[in-house]
Amino acid sequence: MTSTSSPLQVAALYRFARIEDREAVRARLEQLCAPDVRGILLVAHEGLNGTIAGPAEAITRVLDGIRALPGFEALEVKFSGAERMPFYRMKVRIKA
């Protein structure tokens, strides 16, 4: 199964970059993901990690938004496809 033949795209991502205002980053990520992307993103002082799924154009929108954040231009992403949504909801969590 490839992401081009699947109705949904899954993106596993991470980037080590210092995040000073984790709450602001969390709010921005929630805004980017609404309403059609689901999964989990962990926001920590040392960076961002998670997996998200949704239509390809929505995943592109979210990844472009993350790459626009300072320090996240070189975001690492691995893609796969899915026939149905693998996540029940979207959760952006701040890691202590």
PDB file of N, CA and C in Angstrom:
ATOM      1  N   MET A   1       0.852  -1.168   0.000  1.00  0.00           N
ATOM      2  CA  MET A   1       0.000   0.000   0.000  1.00  0.00           C
ATOM      3  C   MET A   1       0.899   1.233   0.000  1.00  0.00           C
ATOM      4  N   THR A   2       0.639   2.159  -0.885  1.00  0.00           N
ATOM      5  CA  THR A   2       1.396   3.403  -0.925  1.00  0.00           C
ATOM      6  C   THR A   2       0.487   4.553  -0.563  1.00  0.00           C
ATOM      7  N   SER A   3       1.103   5.655  -0.172  1.00  0.00           N
ATOM      8  CA  SER A   3       0.302   6.803   0.235  1.00  0.00           C
ATOM      9  C   SER A   3      -0.449   7.413  -0.941  1.00  0.00           C
ATOM     10  N   THR A   4       0.039   7.198  -2.175  1.00  0.00           N
ATOM     11  CA  THR A   4      -0.648   7.779  -3.322  1.00  0.00           C
ATOM     12  C   THR A   4      -1.918   7.020  -3.670  1.00  0.00           C
ATOM     13  N   SER A   5      -1.994   5.715  -3.341  1.00  0.00           N
ATOM     14  CA  SER A   5      -3.186   4.944  -3.659  1.00  0.00           C
ATOM     15  C   SER A   5      -4.137   4.830  -2.466  1.00  0.00           C
ATOM     16  N   SER A   6      -3.751   5.341  -1.330  1.00  0.00           N
ATOM     17  CA  SER A   6      -4.571   5.274  -0.129  1.00  0.00           C
ATOM     18  C   SER A   6      -5.361   6.563   0.045  1.00  0.00           C
ATOM     19  N   PRO A   7      -6.575   6.457   0.566  1.00  0.00           N
ATOM     20  CA  PRO A   7      -7.370   7.676   0.764  1.00  0.00           C
ATOM     21  C   PRO A   7      -6.821   8.582   1.863  1.00  0.00           C
ATOM     22  N   LEU A   8      -6.051   8.016   2.786  1.00  0.00           N
ATOM     23  CA  LEU A   8      -5.493   8.807   3.886  1.00  0.00           C
ATOM     24  C   LEU A   8      -3.978   8.674   3.916  1.00  0.00           C
ATOM     25  N   GLN A   9      -3.335   9.744   4.354  1.00  0.00           N
ATOM     26  CA  GLN A   9      -1.886   9.748   4.498  1.00  0.00           C
ATOM     27  C   GLN A   9      -1.551   9.783   5.987  1.00  0.00           C
ATOM     28  N   VAL A  10      -0.558   9.002   6.375  1.00  0.00           N
ATOM     29  CA  VAL A  10      -0.088   8.970   7.759  1.00  0.00           C
ATOM     30  C   VAL A  10       1.335   9.523   7.764  1.00  0.00           C
ATOM     31  N   ALA A  11       1.610  10.460   8.670  1.00  0.00           N
ATOM     32  CA  ALA A  11       2.935  11.069   8.764  1.00  0.00           C
ATOM     33  C   ALA A  11       3.478  10.901  10.180  1.00  0.00           C
ATOM     34  N   ALA A  12       4.603  10.196  10.296  1.00  0.00           N
ATOM     35  CA  ALA A  12       5.324  10.082  11.567  1.00  0.00           C
ATOM     36  C   ALA A  12       6.423  11.133  11.524  1.00  0.00           C
ATOM     37  N   LEU A  13       6.490  11.978  12.540  1.00  0.00           N
ATOM     38  CA  LEU A  13       7.396  13.123  12.462  1.00  0.00           C
ATOM     39  C   LEU A  13       8.101  13.387  13.778  1.00  0.00           C
ATOM     40  N   TYR A  14       9.267  14.016  13.659  1.00  0.00           N
ATOM     41  CA  TYR A  14       9.967  14.485  14.855  1.00  0.00           C
ATOM     42  C   TYR A  14      10.972  15.547  14.461  1.00  0.00           C
ATOM     43  N   ARG A  15      11.335  16.346  15.427  1.00  0.00           N
ATOM     44  CA  ARG A  15      12.399  17.337  15.247  1.00  0.00           C
ATOM     45  C   ARG A  15      12.856  17.778  16.627  1.00  0.00           C
ATOM     46  N   PHE A  16      14.168  17.712  16.847  1.00  0.00           N
ATOM     47  CA  PHE A  16      14.744  18.252  18.066  1.00  0.00           C
ATOM     48  C   PHE A  16      15.049  19.721  17.825  1.00  0.00           C
ATOM     49  N   ALA A  17      14.378  20.578  18.552  1.00  0.00           N
ATOM     50  CA  ALA A  17      14.587  22.030  18.478  1.00  0.00           C
ATOM     51  C   ALA A  17      14.032  22.621  19.767  1.00  0.00           C
ATOM     52  N   ARG A  18      14.709  23.582  20.296  1.00  0.00           N
ATOM     53  CA  ARG A  18      14.285  24.195  21.566  1.00  0.00           C
ATOM     54  C   ARG A  18      12.948  24.904  21.392  1.00  0.00           C
ATOM     55  N   ILE A  19      11.985  24.590  22.270  1.00  0.00           N
ATOM     56  CA  ILE A  19      10.678  25.250  22.261  1.00  0.00           C
ATOM     57  C   ILE A  19      10.534  25.985  23.591  1.00  0.00           C
ATOM     58  N   GLU A  20      10.550  27.294  23.537  1.00  0.00           N
ATOM     59  CA  GLU A  20      10.423  28.101  24.756  1.00  0.00           C
ATOM     60  C   GLU A  20       8.964  28.197  25.216  1.00  0.00           C
ATOM     61  N   ASP A  21       8.061  28.508  24.291  1.00  0.00           N
ATOM     62  CA  ASP A  21       6.644  28.688  24.632  1.00  0.00           C
ATOM     63  C   ASP A  21       5.844  27.493  24.114  1.00  0.00           C
ATOM     64  N   ARG A  22       5.849  26.416  24.891  1.00  0.00           N
ATOM     65  CA  ARG A  22       5.175  25.183  24.465  1.00  0.00           C
ATOM     66  C   ARG A  22       3.668  25.369  24.326  1.00  0.00           C
ATOM     67  N   GLU A  23       3.076  26.201  25.161  1.00  0.00           N
ATOM     68  CA  GLU A  23       1.627  26.430  25.092  1.00  0.00           C
ATOM     69  C   GLU A  23       1.246  27.105  23.777  1.00  0.00           C
ATOM     70  N   ALA A  24       2.029  28.063  23.328  1.00  0.00           N
ATOM     71  CA  ALA A  24       1.754  28.741  22.055  1.00  0.00           C
ATOM     72  C   ALA A  24       1.904  27.772  20.885  1.00  0.00           C
ATOM     73  N   VAL A  25       2.911  26.908  20.942  1.00  0.00           N
ATOM     74  CA  VAL A  25       3.106  25.909  19.887  1.00  0.00           C
ATOM     75  C   VAL A  25       1.947  24.921  19.898  1.00  0.00           C
ATOM     76  N   ARG A  26       1.514  24.510  21.073  1.00  0.00           N
ATOM     77  CA  ARG A  26       0.371  23.592  21.157  1.00  0.00           C
ATOM     78  C   ARG A  26      -0.877  24.208  20.532  1.00  0.00           C
ATOM     79  N   ALA A  27      -1.161  25.459  20.851  1.00  0.00           N
ATOM     80  CA  ALA A  27      -2.337  26.137  20.294  1.00  0.00           C
ATOM     81  C   ALA A  27      -2.242  26.226  18.773  1.00  0.00           C
ATOM     82  N   ARG A  28      -1.056  26.518  18.259  1.00  0.00           N
ATOM     83  CA  ARG A  28      -0.870  26.617  16.802  1.00  0.00           C
ATOM     84  C   ARG A  28      -1.073  25.253  16.143  1.00  0.00           C
ATOM     85  N   LEU A  29      -0.559  24.204  16.741  1.00  0.00           N
ATOM     86  CA  LEU A  29      -0.726  22.863  16.183  1.00  0.00           C
ATOM     87  C   LEU A  29      -2.188  22.434  16.188  1.00  0.00           C
ATOM     88  N   GLU A  30      -2.906  22.735  17.262  1.00  0.00           N
ATOM     89  CA  GLU A  30      -4.335  22.406  17.309  1.00  0.00           C
ATOM     90  C   GLU A  30      -5.084  23.123  16.197  1.00  0.00           C
ATOM     91  N   GLN A  31      -4.730  24.378  15.965  1.00  0.00           N
ATOM     92  CA  GLN A  31      -5.365  25.164  14.903  1.00  0.00           C
ATOM     93  C   GLN A  31      -5.052  24.568  13.528  1.00  0.00           C
ATOM     94  N   LEU A  32      -3.806  24.180  13.301  1.00  0.00           N
ATOM     95  CA  LEU A  32      -3.409  23.606  12.013  1.00  0.00           C
ATOM     96  C   LEU A  32      -4.114  22.279  11.739  1.00  0.00           C
ATOM     97  N   CYS A  33      -4.293  21.472  12.768  1.00  0.00           N
ATOM     98  CA  CYS A  33      -4.854  20.131  12.589  1.00  0.00           C
ATOM     99  C   CYS A  33      -6.372  20.120  12.426  1.00  0.00           C
ATOM    100  N   ALA A  34      -7.057  21.103  12.988  1.00  0.00           N
ATOM    101  CA  ALA A  34      -8.525  21.130  12.911  1.00  0.00           C
ATOM    102  C   ALA A  34      -8.963  21.398  11.479  1.00  0.00           C
ATOM    103  N   PRO A  35     -10.021  20.800  11.000  1.00  0.00           N
ATOM    104  CA  PRO A  35     -10.862  19.786  11.637  1.00  0.00           C
ATOM    105  C   PRO A  35     -10.600  18.381  11.120  1.00  0.00           C
ATOM    106  N   ASP A  36      -9.673  18.215  10.158  1.00  0.00           N
ATOM    107  CA  ASP A  36      -9.600  16.954   9.415  1.00  0.00           C
ATOM    108  C   ASP A  36      -8.367  16.099   9.652  1.00  0.00           C
ATOM    109  N   VAL A  37      -7.531  16.448  10.613  1.00  0.00           N
ATOM    110  CA  VAL A  37      -6.338  15.654  10.921  1.00  0.00           C
ATOM    111  C   VAL A  37      -6.483  15.108  12.340  1.00  0.00           C
ATOM    112  N   ARG A  38      -6.111  13.833  12.505  1.00  0.00           N
ATOM    113  CA  ARG A  38      -6.161  13.184  13.817  1.00  0.00           C
ATOM    114  C   ARG A  38      -4.815  12.536  14.114  1.00  0.00           C
ATOM    115  N   GLY A  39      -4.582  12.285  15.387  1.00  0.00           N
ATOM    116  CA  GLY A  39      -3.341  11.644  15.801  1.00  0.00           C
ATOM    117  C   GLY A  39      -2.889  12.196  17.126  1.00  0.00           C
ATOM    118  N   ILE A  40      -1.586  12.125  17.370  1.00  0.00           N
ATOM    119  CA  ILE A  40      -1.031  12.676  18.605  1.00  0.00           C
ATOM    120  C   ILE A  40       0.283  13.373  18.299  1.00  0.00           C
ATOM    121  N   LEU A  41       0.432  14.551  18.883  1.00  0.00           N
ATOM    122  CA  LEU A  41       1.676  15.308  18.799  1.00  0.00           C
ATOM    123  C   LEU A  41       2.113  15.638  20.221  1.00  0.00           C
ATOM    124  N   LEU A  42       3.373  15.377  20.523  1.00  0.00           N
ATOM    125  CA  LEU A  42       3.942  15.681  21.832  1.00  0.00           C
ATOM    126  C   LEU A  42       4.870  16.878  21.691  1.00  0.00           C
ATOM    127  N   VAL A  43       4.599  17.911  22.472  1.00  0.00           N
ATOM    128  CA  VAL A  43       5.394  19.139  22.452  1.00  0.00           C
ATOM    129  C   VAL A  43       6.211  19.174  23.738  1.00  0.00           C
ATOM    130  N   ALA A  44       7.534  19.175  23.601  1.00  0.00           N
ATOM    131  CA  ALA A  44       8.427  19.200  24.759  1.00  0.00           C
ATOM    132  C   ALA A  44       9.419  20.348  24.604  1.00  0.00           C
ATOM    133  N   HIS A  45      10.115  20.664  25.686  1.00  0.00           N
ATOM    134  CA  HIS A  45      11.139  21.718  25.599  1.00  0.00           C
ATOM    135  C   HIS A  45      12.168  21.392  24.523  1.00  0.00           C
ATOM    136  N   GLU A  46      12.449  20.102  24.340  1.00  0.00           N
ATOM    137  CA  GLU A  46      13.501  19.706  23.402  1.00  0.00           C
ATOM    138  C   GLU A  46      13.018  19.472  21.978  1.00  0.00           C
ATOM    139  N   GLY A  47      11.706  19.580  21.715  1.00  0.00           N
ATOM    140  CA  GLY A  47      11.240  19.421  20.343  1.00  0.00           C
ATOM    141  C   GLY A  47       9.837  18.857  20.231  1.00  0.00           C
ATOM    142  N   LEU A  48       9.574  18.273  19.069  1.00  0.00           N
ATOM    143  CA  LEU A  48       8.241  17.809  18.699  1.00  0.00           C
ATOM    144  C   LEU A  48       8.331  16.386  18.184  1.00  0.00           C
ATOM    145  N   ASN A  49       7.327  15.563  18.523  1.00  0.00           N
ATOM    146  CA  ASN A  49       7.300  14.176  18.105  1.00  0.00           C
ATOM    147  C   ASN A  49       5.846  13.756  17.967  1.00  0.00           C
ATOM    148  N   GLY A  50       5.538  12.922  16.983  1.00  0.00           N
ATOM    149  CA  GLY A  50       4.180  12.420  16.890  1.00  0.00           C
ATOM    150  C   GLY A  50       3.857  11.761  15.573  1.00  0.00           C
ATOM    151  N   THR A  51       2.609  11.343  15.463  1.00  0.00           N
ATOM    152  CA  THR A  51       2.080  10.737  14.248  1.00  0.00           C
ATOM    153  C   THR A  51       0.696  11.311  14.009  1.00  0.00           C
ATOM    154  N   ILE A  52       0.446  11.731  12.762  1.00  0.00           N
ATOM    155  CA  ILE A  52      -0.848  12.295  12.387  1.00  0.00           C
ATOM    156  C   ILE A  52      -1.347  11.619  11.118  1.00  0.00           C
ATOM    157  N   ALA A  53      -2.658  11.674  10.906  1.00  0.00           N
ATOM    158  CA  ALA A  53      -3.252  11.078   9.717  1.00  0.00           C
ATOM    159  C   ALA A  53      -4.394  11.952   9.225  1.00  0.00           C
ATOM    160  N   GLY A  54      -4.614  11.917   7.909  1.00  0.00           N
ATOM    161  CA  GLY A  54      -5.699  12.677   7.309  1.00  0.00           C
ATOM    162  C   GLY A  54      -5.548  12.701   5.805  1.00  0.00           C
ATOM    163  N   PRO A  55      -6.407  13.438   5.113  1.00  0.00           N
ATOM    164  CA  PRO A  55      -6.261  13.593   3.666  1.00  0.00           C
ATOM    165  C   PRO A  55      -4.904  14.227   3.342  1.00  0.00           C
ATOM    166  N   ALA A  56      -4.320  13.876   2.207  1.00  0.00           N
ATOM    167  CA  ALA A  56      -2.977  14.339   1.843  1.00  0.00           C
ATOM    168  C   ALA A  56      -2.846  15.855   1.900  1.00  0.00           C
ATOM    169  N   GLU A  57      -3.852  16.577   1.405  1.00  0.00           N
ATOM    170  CA  GLU A  57      -3.762  18.046   1.402  1.00  0.00           C
ATOM    171  C   GLU A  57      -3.775  18.608   2.825  1.00  0.00           C
ATOM    172  N   ALA A  58      -4.475  17.952   3.735  1.00  0.00           N
ATOM    173  CA  ALA A  58      -4.500  18.396   5.133  1.00  0.00           C
ATOM    174  C   ALA A  58      -3.161  18.111   5.815  1.00  0.00           C
ATOM    175  N   ILE A  59      -2.566  16.964   5.527  1.00  0.00           N
ATOM    176  CA  ILE A  59      -1.257  16.631   6.090  1.00  0.00           C
ATOM    177  C   ILE A  59      -0.212  17.628   5.588  1.00  0.00           C
ATOM    178  N   THR A  60      -0.264  17.964   4.314  1.00  0.00           N
ATOM    179  CA  THR A  60       0.653  18.964   3.755  1.00  0.00           C
ATOM    180  C   THR A  60       0.486  20.302   4.459  1.00  0.00           C
ATOM    181  N   ARG A  61      -0.749  20.711   4.708  1.00  0.00           N
ATOM    182  CA  ARG A  61      -1.024  21.973   5.407  1.00  0.00           C
ATOM    183  C   ARG A  61      -0.387  21.979   6.796  1.00  0.00           C
ATOM    184  N   VAL A  62      -0.553  20.881   7.535  1.00  0.00           N
ATOM    185  CA  VAL A  62      -0.005  20.795   8.889  1.00  0.00           C
ATOM    186  C   VAL A  62       1.525  20.804   8.853  1.00  0.00           C
ATOM    187  N   LEU A  63       2.116  20.012   7.970  1.00  0.00           N
ATOM    188  CA  LEU A  63       3.577  19.946   7.896  1.00  0.00           C
ATOM    189  C   LEU A  63       4.174  21.283   7.474  1.00  0.00           C
ATOM    190  N   ASP A  64       3.537  21.968   6.536  1.00  0.00           N
ATOM    191  CA  ASP A  64       4.007  23.304   6.137  1.00  0.00           C
ATOM    192  C   ASP A  64       3.944  24.269   7.317  1.00  0.00           C
ATOM    193  N   GLY A  65       2.886  24.171   8.109  1.00  0.00           N
ATOM    194  CA  GLY A  65       2.747  25.021   9.288  1.00  0.00           C
ATOM    195  C   GLY A  65       3.804  24.733  10.335  1.00  0.00           C
ATOM    196  N   ILE A  66       4.121  23.461  10.528  1.00  0.00           N
ATOM    197  CA  ILE A  66       5.169  23.102  11.490  1.00  0.00           C
ATOM    198  C   ILE A  66       6.525  23.597  10.995  1.00  0.00           C
ATOM    199  N   ARG A  67       6.798  23.401   9.716  1.00  0.00           N
ATOM    200  CA  ARG A  67       8.086  23.850   9.159  1.00  0.00           C
ATOM    201  C   ARG A  67       8.248  25.363   9.193  1.00  0.00           C
ATOM    202  N   ALA A  68       7.154  26.093   9.325  1.00  0.00           N
ATOM    203  CA  ALA A  68       7.217  27.555   9.427  1.00  0.00           C
ATOM    204  C   ALA A  68       7.615  28.014  10.830  1.00  0.00           C
ATOM    205  N   LEU A  69       7.559  27.110  11.806  1.00  0.00           N
ATOM    206  CA  LEU A  69       7.970  27.448  13.172  1.00  0.00           C
ATOM    207  C   LEU A  69       9.494  27.526  13.244  1.00  0.00           C
ATOM    208  N   PRO A  70      10.043  28.480  13.986  1.00  0.00           N
ATOM    209  CA  PRO A  70      11.501  28.603  14.105  1.00  0.00           C
ATOM    210  C   PRO A  70      12.142  27.317  14.629  1.00  0.00           C
ATOM    211  N   GLY A  71      13.151  26.827  13.901  1.00  0.00           N
ATOM    212  CA  GLY A  71      13.864  25.619  14.291  1.00  0.00           C
ATOM    213  C   GLY A  71      13.301  24.340  13.709  1.00  0.00           C
ATOM    214  N   PHE A  72      12.158  24.407  13.037  1.00  0.00           N
ATOM    215  CA  PHE A  72      11.512  23.200  12.519  1.00  0.00           C
ATOM    216  C   PHE A  72      11.538  23.098  10.995  1.00  0.00           C
ATOM    217  N   GLU A  73      12.387  23.888  10.358  1.00  0.00           N
ATOM    218  CA  GLU A  73      12.479  23.868   8.899  1.00  0.00           C
ATOM    219  C   GLU A  73      12.915  22.498   8.379  1.00  0.00           C
ATOM    220  N   ALA A  74      13.730  21.780   9.143  1.00  0.00           N
ATOM    221  CA  ALA A  74      14.251  20.479   8.727  1.00  0.00           C
ATOM    222  C   ALA A  74      13.498  19.335   9.412  1.00  0.00           C
ATOM    223  N   LEU A  75      12.203  19.480   9.564  1.00  0.00           N
ATOM    224  CA  LEU A  75      11.357  18.464  10.190  1.00  0.00           C
ATOM    225  C   LEU A  75      11.551  17.115   9.500  1.00  0.00           C
ATOM    226  N   GLU A  76      11.762  16.060  10.285  1.00  0.00           N
ATOM    227  CA  GLU A  76      11.903  14.698   9.758  1.00  0.00           C
ATOM    228  C   GLU A  76      10.518  14.058   9.680  1.00  0.00           C
ATOM    229  N   VAL A  77      10.155  13.539   8.491  1.00  0.00           N
ATOM    230  CA  VAL A  77       8.830  12.948   8.298  1.00  0.00           C
ATOM    231  C   VAL A  77       8.953  11.650   7.505  1.00  0.00           C
ATOM    232  N   LYS A  78       8.213  10.641   7.926  1.00  0.00           N
ATOM    233  CA  LYS A  78       8.086   9.392   7.171  1.00  0.00           C
ATOM    234  C   LYS A  78       6.606   9.186   6.891  1.00  0.00           C
ATOM    235  N   PHE A  79       6.292   8.852   5.638  1.00  0.00           N
ATOM    236  CA  PHE A  79       4.908   8.734   5.206  1.00  0.00           C
ATOM    237  C   PHE A  79       4.506   7.286   4.973  1.00  0.00           C
ATOM    238  N   SER A  80       3.237   7.021   5.211  1.00  0.00           N
ATOM    239  CA  SER A  80       2.609   5.760   4.834  1.00  0.00           C
ATOM    240  C   SER A  80       1.152   6.064   4.511  1.00  0.00           C
ATOM    241  N   GLY A  81       0.459   5.072   4.016  1.00  0.00           N
ATOM    242  CA  GLY A  81      -0.943   5.260   3.667  1.00  0.00           C
ATOM    243  C   GLY A  81      -1.854   4.455   4.576  1.00  0.00           C
ATOM    244  N   ALA A  82      -3.128   4.809   4.565  1.00  0.00           N
ATOM    245  CA  ALA A  82      -4.119   4.084   5.362  1.00  0.00           C
ATOM    246  C   ALA A  82      -5.452   4.091   4.625  1.00  0.00           C
ATOM    247  N   GLU A  83      -6.137   2.977   4.679  1.00  0.00           N
ATOM    248  CA  GLU A  83      -7.458   2.869   4.061  1.00  0.00           C
ATOM    249  C   GLU A  83      -8.534   3.528   4.918  1.00  0.00           C
ATOM    250  N   ARG A  84      -8.323   3.514   6.235  1.00  0.00           N
ATOM    251  CA  ARG A  84      -9.276   4.155   7.145  1.00  0.00           C
ATOM    252  C   ARG A  84      -8.498   4.891   8.229  1.00  0.00           C
ATOM    253  N   MET A  85      -9.152   5.807   8.893  1.00  0.00           N
ATOM    254  CA  MET A  85      -8.510   6.648   9.901  1.00  0.00           C
ATOM    255  C   MET A  85      -7.988   5.788  11.056  1.00  0.00           C
ATOM    256  N   PRO A  86      -6.676   5.821  11.316  1.00  0.00           N
ATOM    257  CA  PRO A  86      -6.116   5.002  12.390  1.00  0.00           C
ATOM    258  C   PRO A  86      -6.243   5.623  13.785  1.00  0.00           C
ATOM    259  N   PHE A  87      -6.679   6.875  13.868  1.00  0.00           N
ATOM    260  CA  PHE A  87      -6.788   7.564  15.154  1.00  0.00           C
ATOM    261  C   PHE A  87      -8.221   7.991  15.415  1.00  0.00           C
ATOM    262  N   TYR A  88      -8.605   7.935  16.676  1.00  0.00           N
ATOM    263  CA  TYR A  88      -9.956   8.297  17.083  1.00  0.00           C
ATOM    264  C   TYR A  88     -10.137   9.807  17.192  1.00  0.00           C
ATOM    265  N   ARG A  89      -9.064  10.524  17.585  1.00  0.00           N
ATOM    266  CA  ARG A  89      -9.158  11.972  17.794  1.00  0.00           C
ATOM    267  C   ARG A  89      -7.790  12.607  17.590  1.00  0.00           C
ATOM    268  N   MET A  90      -7.758  13.932  17.680  1.00  0.00           N
ATOM    269  CA  MET A  90      -6.501  14.678  17.621  1.00  0.00           C
ATOM    270  C   MET A  90      -6.147  15.112  19.030  1.00  0.00           C
ATOM    271  N   LYS A  91      -4.901  14.838  19.423  1.00  0.00           N
ATOM    272  CA  LYS A  91      -4.441  15.248  20.745  1.00  0.00           C
ATOM    273  C   LYS A  91      -3.060  15.880  20.602  1.00  0.00           C
ATOM    274  N   VAL A  92      -2.935  17.091  21.114  1.00  0.00           N
ATOM    275  CA  VAL A  92      -1.643  17.770  21.179  1.00  0.00           C
ATOM    276  C   VAL A  92      -1.331  17.918  22.662  1.00  0.00           C
ATOM    277  N   ARG A  93      -0.302  17.213  23.105  1.00  0.00           N
ATOM    278  CA  ARG A  93       0.010  17.149  24.527  1.00  0.00           C
ATOM    279  C   ARG A  93       1.350  17.814  24.823  1.00  0.00           C
ATOM    280  N   ILE A  94       1.388  18.561  25.896  1.00  0.00           N
ATOM    281  CA  ILE A  94       2.639  19.150  26.359  1.00  0.00           C
ATOM    282  C   ILE A  94       3.311  18.149  27.287  1.00  0.00           C
ATOM    283  N   LYS A  95       4.538  17.819  26.960  1.00  0.00           N
ATOM    284  CA  LYS A  95       5.314  16.885  27.773  1.00  0.00           C
ATOM    285  C   LYS A  95       6.124  17.680  28.791  1.00  0.00           C
ATOM    286  N   ALA A  96       6.010  17.285  30.030  1.00  0.00           N
ATOM    287  CA  ALA A  96       6.719  18.001  31.115  1.00  0.00           C
ATOM    288  C   ALA A  96       8.205  17.735  31.089  1.00  0.00           C
TER     289      ALA A  96
END
